[in-house]
Each structure stands twice: as structure tokens, then as C-alpha cells.
Amino acid sequence: MIFKVLYQQSRDEVPVRENTETLFLEADDIRNVRKKLTDKPYNVEFIQPLTGKFLDYEKKSAEFKLEKI
């Protein structure tokens, strides 16, 4: 399954919408996504599973790139 992760670059900063970054990961479940990101300094705001039309929409975006973590 593919997940969309919204995050801030640093855990020390207060989340600001304009600074939110996005990455896409393939994992079995949300717990597995969090485990993959534990060694990163990210402040994870939200993890969204993508399926069906939501996934198709994101794939059309120029920013869609599956990360290898």
C-alpha cells in the first residue's frame, strides 16, 4: 500500500502549513511507515493511505515520487 506523509523538516519547530513537506512511501501499514521514519528528524503531522482515485490523482502530480527508505 502507498502512504502520503505530511511532515515538517525538524522536530524542534512548530508546524507551519507553508513549511509542510510531502513524501510517498510504500509500506504494509501506518505502523510500518512510522517505523521507517524513526531515524529521520521529521515531525510527522499526518499519514494518509492512498488507494483508488486518491492514488490515481496523486500519481498525476509532478511531485509524486516513491521514496526508498
PDB file of N, CA and C in Angstrom:
ATOM      1  N   MET A   1       0.841  -1.165   0.000  1.00  0.00           N
ATOM      2  CA  MET A   1       0.000   0.000   0.000  1.00  0.00           C
ATOM      3  C   MET A   1       0.899   1.245   0.000  1.00  0.00           C
ATOM      4  N   ILE A   2       0.425   2.297  -0.620  1.00  0.00           N
ATOM      5  CA  ILE A   2       1.181   3.545  -0.682  1.00  0.00           C
ATOM      6  C   ILE A   2       0.573   4.554   0.295  1.00  0.00           C
ATOM      7  N   PHE A   3       1.461   5.250   1.018  1.00  0.00           N
ATOM      8  CA  PHE A   3       1.043   6.229   2.005  1.00  0.00           C
ATOM      9  C   PHE A   3       1.608   7.600   1.674  1.00  0.00           C
ATOM     10  N   LYS A   4       0.816   8.623   1.924  1.00  0.00           N
ATOM     11  CA  LYS A   4       1.250  10.014   1.779  1.00  0.00           C
ATOM     12  C   LYS A   4       1.551  10.526   3.180  1.00  0.00           C
ATOM     13  N   VAL A   5       2.770  11.036   3.373  1.00  0.00           N
ATOM     14  CA  VAL A   5       3.210  11.504   4.682  1.00  0.00           C
ATOM     15  C   VAL A   5       3.415  13.021   4.614  1.00  0.00           C
ATOM     16  N   LEU A   6       2.722  13.744   5.483  1.00  0.00           N
ATOM     17  CA  LEU A   6       2.906  15.185   5.604  1.00  0.00           C
ATOM     18  C   LEU A   6       3.765  15.432   6.832  1.00  0.00           C
ATOM     19  N   TYR A   7       4.825  16.224   6.670  1.00  0.00           N
ATOM     20  CA  TYR A   7       5.773  16.390   7.765  1.00  0.00           C
ATOM     21  C   TYR A   7       6.473  17.740   7.698  1.00  0.00           C
ATOM     22  N   GLN A   8       7.110  18.104   8.815  1.00  0.00           N
ATOM     23  CA  GLN A   8       7.992  19.257   8.899  1.00  0.00           C
ATOM     24  C   GLN A   8       9.418  18.725   8.918  1.00  0.00           C
ATOM     25  N   GLN A   9      10.371  19.511   8.440  1.00  0.00           N
ATOM     26  CA  GLN A   9      11.764  19.072   8.363  1.00  0.00           C
ATOM     27  C   GLN A   9      12.409  18.852   9.729  1.00  0.00           C
ATOM     28  N   SER A  10      11.929  19.545  10.764  1.00  0.00           N
ATOM     29  CA  SER A  10      12.560  19.454  12.079  1.00  0.00           C
ATOM     30  C   SER A  10      11.528  19.175  13.165  1.00  0.00           C
ATOM     31  N   ARG A  11      11.900  18.329  14.102  1.00  0.00           N
ATOM     32  CA  ARG A  11      11.013  18.038  15.236  1.00  0.00           C
ATOM     33  C   ARG A  11      10.948  19.197  16.223  1.00  0.00           C
ATOM     34  N   ASP A  12      11.941  20.081  16.163  1.00  0.00           N
ATOM     35  CA  ASP A  12      12.041  21.172  17.128  1.00  0.00           C
ATOM     36  C   ASP A  12      11.173  22.373  16.779  1.00  0.00           C
ATOM     37  N   GLU A  13      10.715  22.468  15.537  1.00  0.00           N
ATOM     38  CA  GLU A  13       9.938  23.620  15.110  1.00  0.00           C
ATOM     39  C   GLU A  13       8.442  23.360  15.228  1.00  0.00           C
ATOM     40  N   VAL A  14       7.709  24.434  15.440  1.00  0.00           N
ATOM     41  CA  VAL A  14       6.252  24.359  15.475  1.00  0.00           C
ATOM     42  C   VAL A  14       5.759  24.155  14.042  1.00  0.00           C
ATOM     43  N   PRO A  15       4.817  23.245  13.814  1.00  0.00           N
ATOM     44  CA  PRO A  15       4.326  23.022  12.452  1.00  0.00           C
ATOM     45  C   PRO A  15       3.666  24.282  11.869  1.00  0.00           C
ATOM     46  N   VAL A  16       4.075  24.625  10.669  1.00  0.00           N
ATOM     47  CA  VAL A  16       3.510  25.745   9.925  1.00  0.00           C
ATOM     48  C   VAL A  16       3.098  25.207   8.560  1.00  0.00           C
ATOM     49  N   ARG A  17       1.873  25.443   8.189  1.00  0.00           N
ATOM     50  CA  ARG A  17       1.325  24.866   6.961  1.00  0.00           C
ATOM     51  C   ARG A  17       2.197  25.149   5.734  1.00  0.00           C
ATOM     52  N   GLU A  18       2.717  26.362   5.640  1.00  0.00           N
ATOM     53  CA  GLU A  18       3.520  26.741   4.483  1.00  0.00           C
ATOM     54  C   GLU A  18       4.842  25.976   4.396  1.00  0.00           C
ATOM     55  N   ASN A  19       5.286  25.412   5.502  1.00  0.00           N
ATOM     56  CA  ASN A  19       6.544  24.663   5.523  1.00  0.00           C
ATOM     57  C   ASN A  19       6.346  23.152   5.465  1.00  0.00           C
ATOM     58  N   THR A  20       5.124  22.712   5.319  1.00  0.00           N
ATOM     59  CA  THR A  20       4.835  21.280   5.292  1.00  0.00           C
ATOM     60  C   THR A  20       5.373  20.646   4.019  1.00  0.00           C
ATOM     61  N   GLU A  21       6.073  19.541   4.183  1.00  0.00           N
ATOM     62  CA  GLU A  21       6.628  18.767   3.075  1.00  0.00           C
ATOM     63  C   GLU A  21       5.801  17.490   2.911  1.00  0.00           C
ATOM     64  N   THR A  22       5.920  16.865   1.749  1.00  0.00           N
ATOM     65  CA  THR A  22       5.184  15.636   1.460  1.00  0.00           C
ATOM     66  C   THR A  22       6.139  14.587   0.911  1.00  0.00           C
ATOM     67  N   LEU A  23       5.930  13.359   1.353  1.00  0.00           N
ATOM     68  CA  LEU A  23       6.647  12.243   0.738  1.00  0.00           C
ATOM     69  C   LEU A  23       5.702  11.061   0.631  1.00  0.00           C
ATOM     70  N   PHE A  24       6.030  10.170  -0.279  1.00  0.00           N
ATOM     71  CA  PHE A  24       5.201   8.992  -0.522  1.00  0.00           C
ATOM     72  C   PHE A  24       6.036   7.750  -0.245  1.00  0.00           C
ATOM     73  N   LEU A  25       5.470   6.844   0.541  1.00  0.00           N
ATOM     74  CA  LEU A  25       6.162   5.609   0.920  1.00  0.00           C
ATOM     75  C   LEU A  25       5.286   4.408   0.647  1.00  0.00           C
ATOM     76  N   GLU A  26       5.940   3.303   0.359  1.00  0.00           N
ATOM     77  CA  GLU A  26       5.234   2.037   0.235  1.00  0.00           C
ATOM     78  C   GLU A  26       5.500   1.245   1.505  1.00  0.00           C
ATOM     79  N   ALA A  27       4.427   0.783   2.146  1.00  0.00           N
ATOM     80  CA  ALA A  27       4.547   0.023   3.393  1.00  0.00           C
ATOM     81  C   ALA A  27       3.293  -0.832   3.582  1.00  0.00           C
ATOM     82  N   ASP A  28       3.361  -1.714   4.573  1.00  0.00           N
ATOM     83  CA  ASP A  28       2.220  -2.594   4.855  1.00  0.00           C
ATOM     84  C   ASP A  28       1.113  -1.875   5.605  1.00  0.00           C
ATOM     85  N   ASP A  29       1.494  -1.003   6.556  1.00  0.00           N
ATOM     86  CA  ASP A  29       0.511  -0.272   7.352  1.00  0.00           C
ATOM     87  C   ASP A  29       1.140   0.995   7.925  1.00  0.00           C
ATOM     88  N   ILE A  30       0.346   1.792   8.633  1.00  0.00           N
ATOM     89  CA  ILE A  30       0.820   3.059   9.183  1.00  0.00           C
ATOM     90  C   ILE A  30       1.937   2.830  10.196  1.00  0.00           C
ATOM     91  N   ARG A  31       1.831   1.787  10.981  1.00  0.00           N
ATOM     92  CA  ARG A  31       2.869   1.477  11.968  1.00  0.00           C
ATOM     93  C   ARG A  31       4.219   1.254  11.280  1.00  0.00           C
ATOM     94  N   ASN A  32       4.195   0.571  10.148  1.00  0.00           N
ATOM     95  CA  ASN A  32       5.412   0.319   9.388  1.00  0.00           C
ATOM     96  C   ASN A  32       5.988   1.619   8.823  1.00  0.00           C
ATOM     97  N   VAL A  33       5.130   2.540   8.402  1.00  0.00           N
ATOM     98  CA  VAL A  33       5.589   3.849   7.908  1.00  0.00           C
ATOM     99  C   VAL A  33       6.308   4.584   9.029  1.00  0.00           C
ATOM    100  N   ARG A  34       5.694   4.625  10.213  1.00  0.00           N
ATOM    101  CA  ARG A  34       6.321   5.310  11.355  1.00  0.00           C
ATOM    102  C   ARG A  34       7.667   4.670  11.705  1.00  0.00           C
ATOM    103  N   LYS A  35       7.738   3.349  11.620  1.00  0.00           N
ATOM    104  CA  LYS A  35       8.992   2.652  11.922  1.00  0.00           C
ATOM    105  C   LYS A  35      10.081   3.047  10.922  1.00  0.00           C
ATOM    106  N   LYS A  36       9.716   3.179   9.646  1.00  0.00           N
ATOM    107  CA  LYS A  36      10.684   3.569   8.622  1.00  0.00           C
ATOM    108  C   LYS A  36      11.197   4.992   8.830  1.00  0.00           C
ATOM    109  N   LEU A  37      10.391   5.841   9.456  1.00  0.00           N
ATOM    110  CA  LEU A  37      10.756   7.248   9.622  1.00  0.00           C
ATOM    111  C   LEU A  37      11.384   7.567  10.979  1.00  0.00           C
ATOM    112  N   THR A  38      11.593   6.576  11.830  1.00  0.00           N
ATOM    113  CA  THR A  38      12.108   6.844  13.177  1.00  0.00           C
ATOM    114  C   THR A  38      13.498   7.456  13.188  1.00  0.00           C
ATOM    115  N   ASP A  39      14.343   7.115  12.239  1.00  0.00           N
ATOM    116  CA  ASP A  39      15.706   7.659  12.233  1.00  0.00           C
ATOM    117  C   ASP A  39      15.806   9.008  11.511  1.00  0.00           C
ATOM    118  N   LYS A  40      14.697   9.498  10.975  1.00  0.00           N
ATOM    119  CA  LYS A  40      14.664  10.805  10.308  1.00  0.00           C
ATOM    120  C   LYS A  40      14.293  11.886  11.321  1.00  0.00           C
ATOM    121  N   PRO A  41      14.768  13.117  11.118  1.00  0.00           N
ATOM    122  CA  PRO A  41      14.455  14.203  12.062  1.00  0.00           C
ATOM    123  C   PRO A  41      13.103  14.853  11.784  1.00  0.00           C
ATOM    124  N   TYR A  42      12.196  14.144  11.128  1.00  0.00           N
ATOM    125  CA  TYR A  42      10.922  14.715  10.711  1.00  0.00           C
ATOM    126  C   TYR A  42       9.920  14.806  11.855  1.00  0.00           C
ATOM    127  N   ASN A  43       9.099  15.839  11.803  1.00  0.00           N
ATOM    128  CA  ASN A  43       7.948  15.976  12.681  1.00  0.00           C
ATOM    129  C   ASN A  43       6.735  15.586  11.840  1.00  0.00           C
ATOM    130  N   VAL A  44       6.308  14.333  11.945  1.00  0.00           N
ATOM    131  CA  VAL A  44       5.220  13.806  11.123  1.00  0.00           C
ATOM    132  C   VAL A  44       3.897  14.381  11.608  1.00  0.00           C
ATOM    133  N   GLU A  45       3.170  15.008  10.691  1.00  0.00           N
ATOM    134  CA  GLU A  45       1.879  15.597  11.011  1.00  0.00           C
ATOM    135  C   GLU A  45       0.728  14.630  10.730  1.00  0.00           C
ATOM    136  N   PHE A  46       0.809  13.955   9.575  1.00  0.00           N
ATOM    137  CA  PHE A  46      -0.317  13.134   9.149  1.00  0.00           C
ATOM    138  C   PHE A  46       0.166  12.065   8.184  1.00  0.00           C
ATOM    139  N   ILE A  47      -0.393  10.871   8.296  1.00  0.00           N
ATOM    140  CA  ILE A  47      -0.104   9.781   7.364  1.00  0.00           C
ATOM    141  C   ILE A  47      -1.427   9.326   6.776  1.00  0.00           C
ATOM    142  N   GLN A  48      -1.511   9.368   5.450  1.00  0.00           N
ATOM    143  CA  GLN A  48      -2.761   9.037   4.761  1.00  0.00           C
ATOM    144  C   GLN A  48      -2.533   7.877   3.799  1.00  0.00           C
ATOM    145  N   PRO A  49      -3.306   6.793   3.951  1.00  0.00           N
ATOM    146  CA  PRO A  49      -3.206   5.715   2.964  1.00  0.00           C
ATOM    147  C   PRO A  49      -3.851   6.166   1.653  1.00  0.00           C
ATOM    148  N   LEU A  50      -3.220   5.843   0.540  1.00  0.00           N
ATOM    149  CA  LEU A  50      -3.747   6.228  -0.765  1.00  0.00           C
ATOM    150  C   LEU A  50      -4.191   4.985  -1.527  1.00  0.00           C
ATOM    151  N   THR A  51      -5.444   5.004  -1.960  1.00  0.00           N
ATOM    152  CA  THR A  51      -5.987   3.911  -2.765  1.00  0.00           C
ATOM    153  C   THR A  51      -6.946   4.498  -3.794  1.00  0.00           C
ATOM    154  N   GLY A  52      -7.216   3.727  -4.806  1.00  0.00           N
ATOM    155  CA  GLY A  52      -8.223   4.089  -5.793  1.00  0.00           C
ATOM    156  C   GLY A  52      -7.984   5.434  -6.459  1.00  0.00           C
ATOM    157  N   LYS A  53      -9.027   6.254  -6.481  1.00  0.00           N
ATOM    158  CA  LYS A  53      -8.975   7.551  -7.152  1.00  0.00           C
ATOM    159  C   LYS A  53      -8.000   8.514  -6.482  1.00  0.00           C
ATOM    160  N   PHE A  54      -7.840   8.406  -5.171  1.00  0.00           N
ATOM    161  CA  PHE A  54      -6.887   9.274  -4.469  1.00  0.00           C
ATOM    162  C   PHE A  54      -5.464   8.988  -4.944  1.00  0.00           C
ATOM    163  N   LEU A  55      -5.130   7.722  -5.100  1.00  0.00           N
ATOM    164  CA  LEU A  55      -3.808   7.333  -5.583  1.00  0.00           C
ATOM    165  C   LEU A  55      -3.619   7.764  -7.034  1.00  0.00           C
ATOM    166  N   ASP A  56      -4.636   7.567  -7.862  1.00  0.00           N
ATOM    167  CA  ASP A  56      -4.557   7.974  -9.261  1.00  0.00           C
ATOM    168  C   ASP A  56      -4.321   9.477  -9.381  1.00  0.00           C
ATOM    169  N   TYR A  57      -4.992  10.260  -8.552  1.00  0.00           N
ATOM    170  CA  TYR A  57      -4.831  11.713  -8.563  1.00  0.00           C
ATOM    171  C   TYR A  57      -3.400  12.108  -8.190  1.00  0.00           C
ATOM    172  N   GLU A  58      -2.869  11.505  -7.140  1.00  0.00           N
ATOM    173  CA  GLU A  58      -1.516  11.829  -6.688  1.00  0.00           C
ATOM    174  C   GLU A  58      -0.466  11.414  -7.719  1.00  0.00           C
ATOM    175  N   LYS A  59      -0.699  10.307  -8.420  1.00  0.00           N
ATOM    176  CA  LYS A  59       0.252   9.849  -9.435  1.00  0.00           C
ATOM    177  C   LYS A  59       0.360  10.843 -10.589  1.00  0.00           C
ATOM    178  N   LYS A  60      -0.693  11.605 -10.845  1.00  0.00           N
ATOM    179  CA  LYS A  60      -0.686  12.598 -11.918  1.00  0.00           C
ATOM    180  C   LYS A  60       0.129  13.835 -11.540  1.00  0.00           C
ATOM    181  N   SER A  61       0.373  14.014 -10.251  1.00  0.00           N
ATOM    182  CA  SER A  61       1.131  15.174  -9.770  1.00  0.00           C
ATOM    183  C   SER A  61       2.608  15.035 -10.146  1.00  0.00           C
ATOM    184  N   ALA A  62       3.236  16.164 -10.471  1.00  0.00           N
ATOM    185  CA  ALA A  62       4.654  16.166 -10.809  1.00  0.00           C
ATOM    186  C   ALA A  62       5.518  15.850  -9.580  1.00  0.00           C
ATOM    187  N   GLU A  63       4.974  16.051  -8.383  1.00  0.00           N
ATOM    188  CA  GLU A  63       5.718  15.820  -7.143  1.00  0.00           C
ATOM    189  C   GLU A  63       5.646  14.367  -6.661  1.00  0.00           C
ATOM    190  N   PHE A  64       4.878  13.522  -7.341  1.00  0.00           N
ATOM    191  CA  PHE A  64       4.733  12.133  -6.906  1.00  0.00           C
ATOM    192  C   PHE A  64       6.000  11.355  -7.222  1.00  0.00           C
ATOM    193  N   LYS A  65       6.645  10.866  -6.160  1.00  0.00           N
ATOM    194  CA  LYS A  65       7.842  10.034  -6.293  1.00  0.00           C
ATOM    195  C   LYS A  65       7.920   9.147  -5.066  1.00  0.00           C
ATOM    196  N   LEU A  66       7.932   7.843  -5.258  1.00  0.00           N
ATOM    197  CA  LEU A  66       8.021   6.919  -4.139  1.00  0.00           C
ATOM    198  C   LEU A  66       9.436   6.969  -3.558  1.00  0.00           C
ATOM    199  N   GLU A  67       9.525   7.195  -2.254  1.00  0.00           N
ATOM    200  CA  GLU A  67      10.816   7.251  -1.561  1.00  0.00           C
ATOM    201  C   GLU A  67      11.258   5.841  -1.212  1.00  0.00           C
ATOM    202  N   LYS A  68      12.535   5.607  -1.267  1.00  0.00           N
ATOM    203  CA  LYS A  68      13.114   4.319  -0.865  1.00  0.00           C
ATOM    204  C   LYS A  68      13.763   4.504   0.504  1.00  0.00           C
ATOM    205  N   ILE A  69      13.066   4.098   1.535  1.00  0.00           N
ATOM    206  CA  ILE A  69      13.589   4.206   2.909  1.00  0.00           C
ATOM    207  C   ILE A  69      13.609   2.825   3.515  1.00  0.00           C
TER     208      ILE A  69
END
